[in-house]
């Protein structure tokens, strides 16, 4: 898979991106449409879609839910690491993932913090993000299944801490 240079920028074909992301090419083309808003910067040439090499796979609700649970885990234990590979995303794209979750209004990010891990720890989950996390119909397995009760309590306390941070944030 080699990028194509168009107007000075590098792009992958929709077929290459579909193979890379493990989804159908028709889905990539649907995401590339400007009206979908899922992959910014795509261009169409000769009936073919080209996706910027810097594009990340769109974060759908199931993926966002898993990422939000991961963020809650990092907030609970700041020494831990948010592993994106479980969601099919390269770990080097953490900054892009945070930007996308922020764009979709699931989190608020303090871009004044230079250290990426500290920025992740200081992320604030929005009401929309909490609604997705607490959504009863889990898109994936229930993250609390199989946890010992102490771990479940720990995760719940982390969520409470984040709610308190949200309350502090909205008190202007």
Protein backbone atom coordinates (compact mmCIF):
# COMPACT_ATOMS: atom_id res chain seq x y z
CA UNK A 1 0.00 0.00 0.00
CA UNK A 2 1.63 3.18 -1.21
CA UNK A 3 0.28 6.65 -0.66
CA UNK A 4 -0.66 8.73 -3.69
CA UNK A 5 0.32 12.41 -3.83
CA UNK A 6 -2.48 14.70 -4.94
CA UNK A 7 -2.07 18.48 -4.86
CA UNK A 8 1.00 18.10 -2.63
CA UNK A 9 -0.72 15.96 0.02
CA UNK A 10 -0.51 12.19 0.61
CA UNK A 11 -3.62 10.00 0.36
CA UNK A 12 -4.57 6.35 0.38
CA UNK A 13 -7.22 4.94 -1.93
CA UNK A 14 -10.50 3.92 -0.33
CA UNK A 15 -9.64 0.30 -1.17
CA UNK A 16 -6.32 0.52 0.70
CA UNK A 17 -7.97 2.16 3.71
CA UNK A 18 -10.70 -0.50 3.78
CA UNK A 19 -8.03 -3.18 3.90
CA UNK A 20 -6.05 -1.31 6.57
CA UNK A 21 -9.08 -0.71 8.82
CA UNK A 22 -10.68 -4.10 8.20
CA UNK A 23 -13.98 -2.73 6.90
CA UNK A 24 -15.76 -2.76 3.55
CA UNK A 25 -14.72 -0.29 0.86
CA UNK A 26 -18.33 0.89 0.55
CA UNK A 27 -18.21 1.86 4.24
CA UNK A 28 -14.99 3.84 3.68
CA UNK A 29 -16.57 5.61 0.70
CA UNK A 30 -19.64 6.44 2.82
CA UNK A 31 -17.38 7.80 5.58
CA UNK A 32 -15.43 9.83 2.97
CA UNK A 33 -18.53 11.72 1.82
CA UNK A 34 -18.30 15.30 3.13
CA UNK A 35 -21.92 15.16 4.37
CA UNK A 36 -21.03 12.30 6.74
CA UNK A 37 -18.30 14.36 8.39
CA UNK A 38 -16.58 11.18 9.56
CA UNK A 39 -13.25 11.55 7.74
CA UNK A 40 -12.29 15.15 7.08
CA UNK A 41 -10.04 16.03 4.15
CA UNK A 42 -11.07 13.30 1.70
CA UNK A 43 -11.11 14.07 -1.98
CA UNK A 44 -12.82 12.44 -4.93
CA UNK A 45 -10.99 12.11 -8.23
CA UNK A 46 -12.24 10.17 -11.24
CA UNK A 47 -15.03 8.46 -9.24
CA UNK A 48 -12.50 7.25 -6.63
CA UNK A 49 -12.21 8.45 -3.05
CA UNK A 50 -8.83 9.26 -1.51
CA UNK A 51 -8.36 9.44 2.24
CA UNK A 52 -5.56 11.47 3.91
CA UNK A 53 -2.78 9.27 5.27
CA UNK A 54 -3.22 10.99 8.65
CA UNK A 55 -6.90 10.01 8.93
CA UNK A 56 -7.98 7.74 11.76
CA UNK A 57 -10.78 5.24 11.62
CA UNK A 58 -14.02 7.03 12.58
CA UNK A 59 -14.93 6.53 16.20
CA UNK A 60 -18.36 4.93 16.26
CA UNK A 61 -20.51 4.66 19.39
CA UNK A 62 -19.28 1.16 20.32
CA UNK A 63 -15.65 2.26 19.95
CA UNK A 64 -16.29 5.53 21.83
CA UNK A 65 -17.93 3.59 24.66
CA UNK A 66 -14.90 1.32 25.00
CA UNK A 67 -12.52 4.29 24.88
CA UNK A 68 -14.51 6.16 27.54
CA UNK A 69 -14.34 3.12 29.83
CA UNK A 70 -10.60 3.08 29.21
CA UNK A 71 -10.32 6.78 30.07
CA UNK A 72 -12.23 6.17 33.31
CA UNK A 73 -9.74 3.40 34.09
CA UNK A 74 -6.80 5.75 33.49
CA UNK A 75 -8.43 8.42 35.66
CA UNK A 76 -8.81 5.79 38.38
CA UNK A 77 -5.17 4.69 38.08
CA UNK A 78 -3.05 7.46 36.49
CA UNK A 79 -0.07 5.10 36.24
CA UNK A 80 -2.01 2.89 33.80
CA UNK A 81 -2.04 3.12 30.02
CA UNK A 82 -4.94 3.46 27.59
CA UNK A 83 -4.42 0.65 25.07
CA UNK A 84 -6.12 1.63 21.82
CA UNK A 85 -5.21 -1.58 20.00
CA UNK A 86 -8.28 -3.30 21.44
CA UNK A 87 -10.37 -0.86 19.41
CA UNK A 88 -8.33 -1.40 16.25
CA UNK A 89 -6.44 1.91 16.59
CA UNK A 90 -2.66 2.36 16.65
CA UNK A 91 -1.50 3.57 20.08
CA UNK A 92 0.60 6.33 18.46
CA UNK A 93 -2.67 8.03 17.44
CA UNK A 94 -3.80 8.80 21.01
CA UNK A 95 -3.74 12.57 20.41
CA UNK A 96 -5.90 12.16 17.28
CA UNK A 97 -8.31 9.91 19.20
CA UNK A 98 -8.67 12.50 21.98
CA UNK A 99 -9.30 15.19 19.34
CA UNK A 100 -12.00 13.07 17.71
CA UNK A 101 -13.71 12.23 21.02
CA UNK A 102 -13.62 15.95 21.82
CA UNK A 103 -15.03 16.82 18.36
CA UNK A 104 -17.90 14.40 19.00
CA UNK A 105 -18.51 16.08 22.41
CA UNK A 106 -17.76 12.99 24.52
CA UNK A 107 -14.87 14.64 26.37
CA UNK A 108 -13.29 18.02 27.08
CA UNK A 109 -9.53 18.16 26.62
CA UNK A 110 -7.15 20.73 28.14
CA UNK A 111 -4.82 21.40 25.20
CA UNK A 112 -2.68 23.62 27.45
CA UNK A 113 -1.16 20.47 28.95
CA UNK A 114 1.86 19.43 26.87
CA UNK A 115 2.37 15.93 28.28
CA UNK A 116 -0.03 13.62 26.40
CA UNK A 117 -0.49 11.17 29.28
CA UNK A 118 -1.19 13.98 31.75
CA UNK A 119 -3.64 15.47 29.23
CA UNK A 120 -5.40 12.08 29.14
CA UNK A 121 -5.55 11.93 32.95
CA UNK A 122 -7.03 15.45 33.07
CA UNK A 123 -9.69 14.76 30.39
CA UNK A 124 -13.21 15.59 31.52
CA UNK A 125 -16.02 13.36 30.34
CA UNK A 126 -19.08 15.31 29.17
CA UNK A 127 -22.71 14.54 29.93
CA UNK A 128 -22.99 13.03 26.45
CA UNK A 129 -19.98 10.82 27.27
CA UNK A 130 -21.50 9.67 30.56
CA UNK A 131 -24.80 8.92 28.82
CA UNK A 132 -22.93 6.68 26.39
CA UNK A 133 -20.98 4.95 29.18
CA UNK A 134 -24.09 4.25 31.23
CA UNK A 135 -26.17 3.19 28.21
CA UNK A 136 -27.85 -0.04 29.31
CA UNK A 137 -27.52 -1.91 26.05
CA UNK A 138 -23.78 -2.46 25.95
CA UNK A 139 -22.33 -2.33 22.48
CA UNK A 140 -19.67 -4.75 23.64
CA UNK A 141 -19.49 -6.99 26.65
CA UNK A 142 -20.32 -5.34 29.96
CA UNK A 143 -16.99 -4.01 31.28
CA UNK A 144 -18.01 -4.85 34.86
CA UNK A 145 -18.62 -8.53 34.13
CA UNK A 146 -15.89 -10.69 35.61
CA UNK A 147 -14.43 -7.97 37.82
CA UNK A 148 -13.99 -8.65 41.49
CA UNK A 149 -16.26 -6.46 43.60
CA UNK A 150 -13.32 -4.28 44.71
CA UNK A 151 -12.48 -3.52 41.08
CA UNK A 152 -16.10 -2.69 40.32
CA UNK A 153 -16.21 -0.30 43.28
CA UNK A 154 -12.93 1.24 42.16
CA UNK A 155 -14.32 1.91 38.68
CA UNK A 156 -17.52 3.35 40.15
CA UNK A 157 -15.51 5.67 42.42
CA UNK A 158 -13.50 6.81 39.42
CA UNK A 159 -16.74 7.70 37.66
CA UNK A 160 -17.87 9.65 40.73
CA UNK A 161 -14.56 11.52 40.72
CA UNK A 162 -15.10 12.43 37.08
CA UNK A 163 -18.67 13.57 37.80
CA UNK A 164 -17.31 15.80 40.55
CA UNK A 165 -14.78 17.24 38.11
CA UNK A 166 -17.60 17.88 35.65
CA UNK A 167 -19.63 19.66 38.32
CA UNK A 168 -16.60 21.78 39.13
CA UNK A 169 -16.05 22.53 35.45
CA UNK A 170 -19.62 23.68 34.82
CA UNK A 171 -19.67 25.95 37.90
CA UNK A 172 -18.46 29.13 36.24
